[in-house]
PDB file of N, CA and C in Angstrom:
ATOM      1  N   UNK A   1     199.027   5.073 -67.487  1.00  0.00           N
ATOM      2  CA  UNK A   1     198.095   4.761 -68.567  1.00  0.00           C
ATOM      3  C   UNK A   1     197.878   5.987 -69.435  1.00  0.00           C
ATOM      4  N   UNK A   2     197.851   7.186 -68.847  1.00  0.00           N
ATOM      5  CA  UNK A   2     197.605   8.387 -69.595  1.00  0.00           C
ATOM      6  C   UNK A   2     198.795   8.637 -70.592  1.00  0.00           C
ATOM      7  N   UNK A   3     199.965   8.241 -70.207  1.00  0.00           N
ATOM      8  CA  UNK A   3     201.126   8.420 -71.027  1.00  0.00           C
ATOM      9  C   UNK A   3     201.263   7.322 -72.067  1.00  0.00           C
ATOM     10  N   UNK A   4     200.836   6.144 -71.761  1.00  0.00           N
ATOM     11  CA  UNK A   4     201.005   4.997 -72.671  1.00  0.00           C
ATOM     12  C   UNK A   4     200.282   5.177 -73.994  1.00  0.00           C
ATOM     13  N   UNK A   5     199.064   5.650 -73.985  1.00  0.00           N
ATOM     14  CA  UNK A   5     198.307   5.809 -75.221  1.00  0.00           C
ATOM     15  C   UNK A   5     198.980   6.835 -76.171  1.00  0.00           C
ATOM     16  N   UNK A   6     199.347   8.028 -75.704  1.00  0.00           N
ATOM     17  CA  UNK A   6     200.019   8.984 -76.581  1.00  0.00           C
ATOM     18  C   UNK A   6     201.348   8.457 -77.128  1.00  0.00           C
ATOM     19  N   UNK A   7     202.067   7.722 -76.290  1.00  0.00           N
ATOM     20  CA  UNK A   7     203.367   7.165 -76.698  1.00  0.00           C
ATOM     21  C   UNK A   7     203.109   6.114 -77.832  1.00  0.00           C
ATOM     22  N   UNK A   8     202.152   5.252 -77.600  1.00  0.00           N
ATOM     23  CA  UNK A   8     201.819   4.248 -78.632  1.00  0.00           C
ATOM     24  C   UNK A   8     201.371   4.899 -79.936  1.00  0.00           C
ATOM     25  N   UNK A   9     200.535   5.949 -79.849  1.00  0.00           N
ATOM     26  CA  UNK A   9     200.085   6.644 -81.046  1.00  0.00           C
ATOM     27  C   UNK A   9     201.267   7.299 -81.757  1.00  0.00           C
ATOM     28  N   UNK A  10     202.206   7.837 -81.010  1.00  0.00           N
ATOM     29  CA  UNK A  10     203.392   8.423 -81.578  1.00  0.00           C
ATOM     30  C   UNK A  10     204.253   7.409 -82.300  1.00  0.00           C
ATOM     31  N   UNK A  11     204.417   6.246 -81.687  1.00  0.00           N
ATOM     32  CA  UNK A  11     205.220   5.171 -82.314  1.00  0.00           C
ATOM     33  C   UNK A  11     204.516   4.709 -83.614  1.00  0.00           C
ATOM     34  N   UNK A  12     203.242   4.515 -83.585  1.00  0.00           N
ATOM     35  CA  UNK A  12     202.521   4.081 -84.792  1.00  0.00           C
ATOM     36  C   UNK A  12     202.639   5.130 -85.877  1.00  0.00           C
ATOM     37  N   UNK A  13     202.526   6.395 -85.540  1.00  0.00           N
ATOM     38  CA  UNK A  13     202.644   7.446 -86.523  1.00  0.00           C
ATOM     39  C   UNK A  13     204.053   7.503 -87.171  1.00  0.00           C
ATOM     40  N   UNK A  14     205.064   7.356 -86.325  1.00  0.00           N
ATOM     41  CA  UNK A  14     206.431   7.323 -86.861  1.00  0.00           C
ATOM     42  C   UNK A  14     206.622   6.104 -87.758  1.00  0.00           C
ATOM     43  N   UNK A  15     206.109   5.010 -87.375  1.00  0.00           N
ATOM     44  CA  UNK A  15     206.241   3.808 -88.191  1.00  0.00           C
ATOM     45  C   UNK A  15     205.568   4.002 -89.547  1.00  0.00           C
ATOM     46  N   UNK A  16     204.428   4.605 -89.586  1.00  0.00           N
ATOM     47  CA  UNK A  16     203.749   4.858 -90.851  1.00  0.00           C
ATOM     48  C   UNK A  16     204.546   5.801 -91.755  1.00  0.00           C
ATOM     49  N   UNK A  17     205.142   6.801 -91.183  1.00  0.00           N
ATOM     50  CA  UNK A  17     205.967   7.751 -91.946  1.00  0.00           C
ATOM     51  C   UNK A  17     207.216   7.081 -92.503  1.00  0.00           C
ATOM     52  N   UNK A  18     207.946   6.341 -91.693  1.00  0.00           N
ATOM     53  CA  UNK A  18     209.216   5.749 -92.140  1.00  0.00           C
ATOM     54  C   UNK A  18     209.036   4.464 -92.914  1.00  0.00           C
ATOM     55  N   UNK A  19     207.861   3.875 -92.920  1.00  0.00           N
ATOM     56  CA  UNK A  19     207.678   2.640 -93.695  1.00  0.00           C
ATOM     57  C   UNK A  19     207.332   2.919 -95.134  1.00  0.00           C
ATOM     58  N   UNK A  20     207.037   4.173 -95.521  1.00  0.00           N
ATOM     59  CA  UNK A  20     206.754   4.533 -96.898  1.00  0.00           C
ATOM     60  C   UNK A  20     208.013   4.403 -97.723  1.00  0.00           C
ATOM     61  N   UNK A  21     207.949   3.634 -98.830  1.00  0.00           N
ATOM     62  CA  UNK A  21     209.083   3.447 -99.706  1.00  0.00           C
ATOM     63  C   UNK A  21     208.698   3.853-101.136  1.00  0.00           C
ATOM     64  N   UNK A  22     209.654   4.426-101.842  1.00  0.00           N
ATOM     65  CA  UNK A  22     209.436   4.717-103.252  1.00  0.00           C
ATOM     66  C   UNK A  22     209.436   3.390-103.981  1.00  0.00           C
ATOM     67  N   UNK A  23     208.741   3.334-105.149  1.00  0.00           N
ATOM     68  CA  UNK A  23     208.694   2.065-105.911  1.00  0.00           C
ATOM     69  C   UNK A  23     210.138   1.731-106.373  1.00  0.00           C
ATOM     70  N   UNK A  24     210.498   0.458-106.296  1.00  0.00           N
ATOM     71  CA  UNK A  24     211.828   0.102-106.752  1.00  0.00           C
ATOM     72  C   UNK A  24     211.911   0.192-108.297  1.00  0.00           C
ATOM     73  N   UNK A  25     212.972   0.768-108.760  1.00  0.00           N
ATOM     74  CA  UNK A  25     213.150   0.907-110.201  1.00  0.00           C
ATOM     75  C   UNK A  25     213.802  -0.315-110.787  1.00  0.00           C
ATOM     76  N   UNK A  26     213.562  -0.565-112.077  1.00  0.00           N
ATOM     77  CA  UNK A  26     214.131  -1.691-112.788  1.00  0.00           C
ATOM     78  C   UNK A  26     215.585  -1.388-113.150  1.00  0.00           C
ATOM     79  N   UNK A  27     216.287  -2.364-113.671  1.00  0.00           N
ATOM     80  CA  UNK A  27     217.701  -2.129-114.055  1.00  0.00           C
ATOM     81  C   UNK A  27     217.797  -0.976-115.070  1.00  0.00           C
ATOM     82  N   UNK A  28     218.821  -0.161-114.952  1.00  0.00           N
ATOM     83  CA  UNK A  28     219.100   0.968-115.828  1.00  0.00           C
ATOM     84  C   UNK A  28     218.116   2.116-115.650  1.00  0.00           C
ATOM     85  N   UNK A  29     217.307   2.087-114.606  1.00  0.00           N
ATOM     86  CA  UNK A  29     216.330   3.153-114.313  1.00  0.00           C
ATOM     87  C   UNK A  29     216.771   3.907-113.070  1.00  0.00           C
ATOM     88  N   UNK A  30     216.378   5.176-112.982  1.00  0.00           N
ATOM     89  CA  UNK A  30     216.606   6.003-111.820  1.00  0.00           C
ATOM     90  C   UNK A  30     215.319   6.666-111.411  1.00  0.00           C
ATOM     91  N   UNK A  31     215.172   6.944-110.129  1.00  0.00           N
ATOM     92  CA  UNK A  31     213.995   7.621-109.634  1.00  0.00           C
ATOM     93  C   UNK A  31     214.168   9.084-109.811  1.00  0.00           C
ATOM     94  N   UNK A  32     213.237   9.758-110.457  1.00  0.00           N
ATOM     95  CA  UNK A  32     213.263  11.207-110.642  1.00  0.00           C
ATOM     96  C   UNK A  32     212.019  11.839-110.052  1.00  0.00           C
ATOM     97  N   UNK A  33     212.189  13.012-109.545  1.00  0.00           N
ATOM     98  CA  UNK A  33     211.060  13.812-109.025  1.00  0.00           C
ATOM     99  C   UNK A  33     210.787  14.945-109.978  1.00  0.00           C
ATOM    100  N   UNK A  34     209.550  15.138-110.314  1.00  0.00           N
ATOM    101  CA  UNK A  34     209.080  16.285-111.129  1.00  0.00           C
ATOM    102  C   UNK A  34     209.788  16.352-112.492  1.00  0.00           C
ATOM    103  N   UNK A  35     209.764  15.257-113.209  1.00  0.00           N
ATOM    104  CA  UNK A  35     210.380  15.238-114.564  1.00  0.00           C
ATOM    105  C   UNK A  35     209.247  15.333-115.577  1.00  0.00           C
ATOM    106  N   UNK A  36     209.535  15.918-116.742  1.00  0.00           N
ATOM    107  CA  UNK A  36     208.558  16.029-117.788  1.00  0.00           C
ATOM    108  C   UNK A  36     208.141  14.664-118.282  1.00  0.00           C
ATOM    109  N   UNK A  37     206.832  14.432-118.492  1.00  0.00           N
ATOM    110  CA  UNK A  37     206.345  13.109-118.842  1.00  0.00           C
ATOM    111  C   UNK A  37     206.859  12.608-120.202  1.00  0.00           C
ATOM    112  N   UNK A  38     207.165  13.538-121.135  1.00  0.00           N
ATOM    113  CA  UNK A  38     207.696  13.113-122.399  1.00  0.00           C
ATOM    114  C   UNK A  38     209.140  13.434-122.654  1.00  0.00           C
ATOM    115  N   UNK A  39     209.795  14.121-121.726  1.00  0.00           N
ATOM    116  CA  UNK A  39     211.210  14.426-121.874  1.00  0.00           C
ATOM    117  C   UNK A  39     212.056  13.898-120.701  1.00  0.00           C
ATOM    118  N   UNK A  40     211.444  13.163-119.827  1.00  0.00           N
ATOM    119  CA  UNK A  40     212.161  12.628-118.707  1.00  0.00           C
ATOM    120  C   UNK A  40     213.166  11.596-119.068  1.00  0.00           C
ATOM    121  N   UNK A  41     212.997  11.046-120.264  1.00  0.00           N
ATOM    122  CA  UNK A  41     213.936   9.982-120.715  1.00  0.00           C
ATOM    123  C   UNK A  41     213.876   9.916-122.251  1.00  0.00           C
ATOM    124  N   UNK A  42     214.939   9.323-122.839  1.00  0.00           N
ATOM    125  CA  UNK A  42     214.980   9.155-124.282  1.00  0.00           C
ATOM    126  C   UNK A  42     214.344   7.807-124.621  1.00  0.00           C
ATOM    127  N   UNK A  43     213.863   7.693-125.837  1.00  0.00           N
ATOM    128  CA  UNK A  43     213.249   6.401-126.297  1.00  0.00           C
ATOM    129  C   UNK A  43     213.909   5.968-127.575  1.00  0.00           C
ATOM    130  N   UNK A  44     213.926   4.665-127.760  1.00  0.00           N
ATOM    131  CA  UNK A  44     214.580   4.089-128.965  1.00  0.00           C
ATOM    132  C   UNK A  44     213.950   4.594-130.286  1.00  0.00           C
ATOM    133  N   UNK A  45     212.689   4.605-130.353  1.00  0.00           N
ATOM    134  CA  UNK A  45     211.987   4.847-131.629  1.00  0.00           C
ATOM    135  C   UNK A  45     211.407   6.255-131.737  1.00  0.00           C
ATOM    136  N   UNK A  46     211.911   7.198-130.962  1.00  0.00           N
ATOM    137  CA  UNK A  46     211.315   8.517-131.015  1.00  0.00           C
ATOM    138  C   UNK A  46     212.391   9.574-131.026  1.00  0.00           C
ATOM    139  N   UNK A  47     212.247  10.502-131.928  1.00  0.00           N
ATOM    140  CA  UNK A  47     213.173  11.666-131.957  1.00  0.00           C
ATOM    141  C   UNK A  47     212.737  12.657-130.889  1.00  0.00           C
ATOM    142  N   UNK A  48     213.631  13.577-130.566  1.00  0.00           N
ATOM    143  CA  UNK A  48     213.388  14.574-129.531  1.00  0.00           C
ATOM    144  C   UNK A  48     212.132  15.412-129.880  1.00  0.00           C
ATOM    145  N   UNK A  49     211.317  15.687-128.869  1.00  0.00           N
ATOM    146  CA  UNK A  49     210.159  16.501-129.050  1.00  0.00           C
ATOM    147  C   UNK A  49     210.204  17.687-128.125  1.00  0.00           C
ATOM    148  N   UNK A  50     209.273  18.620-128.294  1.00  0.00           N
ATOM    149  CA  UNK A  50     209.137  19.705-127.311  1.00  0.00           C
ATOM    150  C   UNK A  50     208.657  19.104-126.021  1.00  0.00           C
ATOM    151  N   UNK A  51     209.237  19.497-124.962  1.00  0.00           N
ATOM    152  CA  UNK A  51     208.858  18.995-123.647  1.00  0.00           C
ATOM    153  C   UNK A  51     207.558  19.593-123.152  1.00  0.00           C
ATOM    154  N   UNK A  52     206.751  18.711-122.562  1.00  0.00           N
ATOM    155  CA  UNK A  52     205.506  19.196-121.927  1.00  0.00           C
ATOM    156  C   UNK A  52     205.883  19.925-120.641  1.00  0.00           C
ATOM    157  N   UNK A  53     205.011  20.791-120.157  1.00  0.00           N
ATOM    158  CA  UNK A  53     205.279  21.488-118.931  1.00  0.00           C
ATOM    159  C   UNK A  53     204.731  20.753-117.707  1.00  0.00           C
ATOM    160  N   UNK A  54     204.237  19.535-117.919  1.00  0.00           N
ATOM    161  CA  UNK A  54     203.747  18.768-116.784  1.00  0.00           C
ATOM    162  C   UNK A  54     204.895  18.116-116.071  1.00  0.00           C
ATOM    163  N   UNK A  55     204.634  17.499-115.014  1.00  0.00           N
ATOM    164  CA  UNK A  55     205.702  16.828-114.271  1.00  0.00           C
ATOM    165  C   UNK A  55     205.135  15.605-113.568  1.00  0.00           C
ATOM    166  N   UNK A  56     205.972  14.595-113.514  1.00  0.00           N
ATOM    167  CA  UNK A  56     205.599  13.401-112.750  1.00  0.00           C
ATOM    168  C   UNK A  56     206.831  12.830-112.111  1.00  0.00           C
ATOM    169  N   UNK A  57     206.612  12.059-111.112  1.00  0.00           N
ATOM    170  CA  UNK A  57     207.729  11.420-110.384  1.00  0.00           C
ATOM    171  C   UNK A  57     207.610   9.930-110.655  1.00  0.00           C
ATOM    172  N   UNK A  58     208.761   9.312-110.745  1.00  0.00           N
ATOM    173  CA  UNK A  58     208.793   7.872-110.958  1.00  0.00           C
ATOM    174  C   UNK A  58     210.096   7.416-111.534  1.00  0.00           C
ATOM    175  N   UNK A  59     210.081   6.203-112.050  1.00  0.00           N
ATOM    176  CA  UNK A  59     211.322   5.596-112.614  1.00  0.00           C
ATOM    177  C   UNK A  59     211.483   5.978-114.059  1.00  0.00           C
ATOM    178  N   UNK A  60     212.607   6.505-114.422  1.00  0.00           N
ATOM    179  CA  UNK A  60     212.935   6.872-115.803  1.00  0.00           C
ATOM    180  C   UNK A  60     214.247   6.224-116.159  1.00  0.00           C
ATOM    181  N   UNK A  61     214.489   6.051-117.482  1.00  0.00           N
ATOM    182  CA  UNK A  61     215.787   5.486-117.898  1.00  0.00           C
ATOM    183  C   UNK A  61     216.909   6.406-117.441  1.00  0.00           C
ATOM    184  N   UNK A  62     217.967   5.815-117.007  1.00  0.00           N
ATOM    185  CA  UNK A  62     219.145   6.541-116.564  1.00  0.00           C
ATOM    186  C   UNK A  62     219.914   7.130-117.756  1.00  0.00           C
ATOM    187  N   UNK A  63     220.895   7.918-117.489  1.00  0.00           N
ATOM    188  CA  UNK A  63     221.726   8.552-118.507  1.00  0.00           C
ATOM    189  C   UNK A  63     222.374   7.463-119.396  1.00  0.00           C
ATOM    190  N   UNK A  64     222.266   7.634-120.682  1.00  0.00           N
ATOM    191  CA  UNK A  64     222.860   6.683-121.638  1.00  0.00           C
ATOM    192  C   UNK A  64     221.978   5.497-121.975  1.00  0.00           C
ATOM    193  N   UNK A  65     220.777   5.455-121.447  1.00  0.00           N
ATOM    194  CA  UNK A  65     219.829   4.353-121.724  1.00  0.00           C
ATOM    195  C   UNK A  65     218.554   4.919-122.319  1.00  0.00           C
ATOM    196  N   UNK A  66     217.913   4.093-123.116  1.00  0.00           N
ATOM    197  CA  UNK A  66     216.744   4.482-123.879  1.00  0.00           C
ATOM    198  C   UNK A  66     215.606   3.491-123.659  1.00  0.00           C
ATOM    199  N   UNK A  67     214.385   4.025-123.533  1.00  0.00           N
ATOM    200  CA  UNK A  67     213.211   3.185-123.316  1.00  0.00           C
ATOM    201  C   UNK A  67     212.838   2.448-124.618  1.00  0.00           C
ATOM    202  N   UNK A  68     212.723   1.185-124.547  1.00  0.00           N
ATOM    203  CA  UNK A  68     212.392   0.375-125.728  1.00  0.00           C
ATOM    204  C   UNK A  68     210.924  -0.006-125.607  1.00  0.00           C
ATOM    205  N   UNK A  69     210.180   0.177-126.685  1.00  0.00           N
ATOM    206  CA  UNK A  69     208.768  -0.165-126.694  1.00  0.00           C
ATOM    207  C   UNK A  69     207.950   0.865-125.977  1.00  0.00           C
ATOM    208  N   UNK A  70     206.915   0.419-125.273  1.00  0.00           N
ATOM    209  CA  UNK A  70     206.005   1.306-124.591  1.00  0.00           C
ATOM    210  C   UNK A  70     206.560   1.840-123.276  1.00  0.00           C
ATOM    211  N   UNK A  71     205.680   2.461-122.514  1.00  0.00           N
ATOM    212  CA  UNK A  71     206.135   3.101-121.264  1.00  0.00           C
ATOM    213  C   UNK A  71     206.618   2.139-120.208  1.00  0.00           C
ATOM    214  N   UNK A  72     206.313   0.879-120.302  1.00  0.00           N
ATOM    215  CA  UNK A  72     206.800  -0.094-119.324  1.00  0.00           C
ATOM    216  C   UNK A  72     207.932  -0.966-119.910  1.00  0.00           C
ATOM    217  N   UNK A  73     208.414  -0.603-121.091  1.00  0.00           N
ATOM    218  CA  UNK A  73     209.488  -1.393-121.700  1.00  0.00           C
ATOM    219  C   UNK A  73     210.818  -1.202-120.938  1.00  0.00           C
ATOM    220  N   UNK A  74     211.790  -2.059-121.241  1.00  0.00           N
ATOM    221  CA  UNK A  74     213.068  -1.967-120.537  1.00  0.00           C
ATOM    222  C   UNK A  74     213.920  -0.801-121.037  1.00  0.00           C
ATOM    223  N   UNK A  75     214.896  -0.401-120.222  1.00  0.00           N
ATOM    224  CA  UNK A  75     215.838   0.612-120.630  1.00  0.00           C
ATOM    225  C   UNK A  75     217.057  -0.122-121.172  1.00  0.00           C
ATOM    226  N   UNK A  76     217.446   0.214-122.416  1.00  0.00           N
ATOM    227  CA  UNK A  76     218.521  -0.468-123.075  1.00  0.00           C
ATOM    228  C   UNK A  76     219.550   0.566-123.599  1.00  0.00           C
ATOM    229  N   UNK A  77     220.742   0.083-123.910  1.00  0.00           N
ATOM    230  CA  UNK A  77     221.795   0.952-124.450  1.00  0.00           C
ATOM    231  C   UNK A  77     221.411   1.363-125.877  1.00  0.00           C
ATOM    232  N   UNK A  78     222.058   2.382-126.389  1.00  0.00           N
ATOM    233  CA  UNK A  78     221.814   2.893-127.745  1.00  0.00           C
ATOM    234  C   UNK A  78     222.108   1.759-128.766  1.00  0.00           C
ATOM    235  N   UNK A  79     223.185   1.027-128.496  1.00  0.00           N
ATOM    236  CA  UNK A  79     223.556  -0.079-129.358  1.00  0.00           C
ATOM    237  C   UNK A  79     222.430  -1.123-129.466  1.00  0.00           C
ATOM    238  N   UNK A  80     221.811  -1.436-128.310  1.00  0.00           N
ATOM    239  CA  UNK A  80     220.723  -2.411-128.330  1.00  0.00           C
ATOM    240  C   UNK A  80     219.479  -1.840-129.065  1.00  0.00           C
ATOM    241  N   UNK A  81     219.247  -0.517-128.988  1.00  0.00           N
ATOM    242  CA  UNK A  81     218.143   0.091-129.745  1.00  0.00           C
ATOM    243  C   UNK A  81     218.337  -0.138-131.231  1.00  0.00           C
ATOM    244  N   UNK A  82     219.535   0.203-131.689  1.00  0.00           N
ATOM    245  CA  UNK A  82     219.818   0.061-133.149  1.00  0.00           C
ATOM    246  C   UNK A  82     219.709  -1.378-133.588  1.00  0.00           C
ATOM    247  N   UNK A  83     220.201  -2.284-132.771  1.00  0.00           N
ATOM    248  CA  UNK A  83     220.172  -3.708-133.136  1.00  0.00           C
ATOM    249  C   UNK A  83     218.727  -4.213-133.216  1.00  0.00           C
ATOM    250  N   UNK A  84     217.878  -3.824-132.320  1.00  0.00           N
ATOM    251  CA  UNK A  84     216.495  -4.297-132.332  1.00  0.00           C
ATOM    252  C   UNK A  84     215.689  -3.605-133.435  1.00  0.00           C
ATOM    253  N   UNK A  85     216.040  -2.361-133.762  1.00  0.00           N
ATOM    254  CA  UNK A  85     215.323  -1.631-134.826  1.00  0.00           C
ATOM    255  C   UNK A  85     215.689  -2.208-136.217  1.00  0.00           C
ATOM    256  N   UNK A  86     216.881  -2.757-136.371  1.00  0.00           N
ATOM    257  CA  UNK A  86     217.306  -3.248-137.665  1.00  0.00           C
ATOM    258  C   UNK A  86     216.832  -4.673-137.912  1.00  0.00           C
ATOM    259  N   UNK A  87     216.275  -5.355-136.902  1.00  0.00           N
ATOM    260  CA  UNK A  87     215.819  -6.709-137.073  1.00  0.00           C
ATOM    261  C   UNK A  87     214.456  -6.752-137.745  1.00  0.00           C
TER     262      UNK A  87
END
């Protein structure tokens, strides 16, 4: 009995550690750690700016993709950006 409780607590602790998952990213997004909040990805309607020195972790558009619309918009190809901006 003395051994059972510490073993059960150990198993529960390990389960808590290994059950943590990063949020799933949407199509064309990648998970980045410590990326600048305004330079972590390119956007369809915004030219390059000076990067902030802050950092955040999360899903950002992958290489070759651009965020369309607001911060929760989809990541689209450059061709799709131009097509939607010309409409």
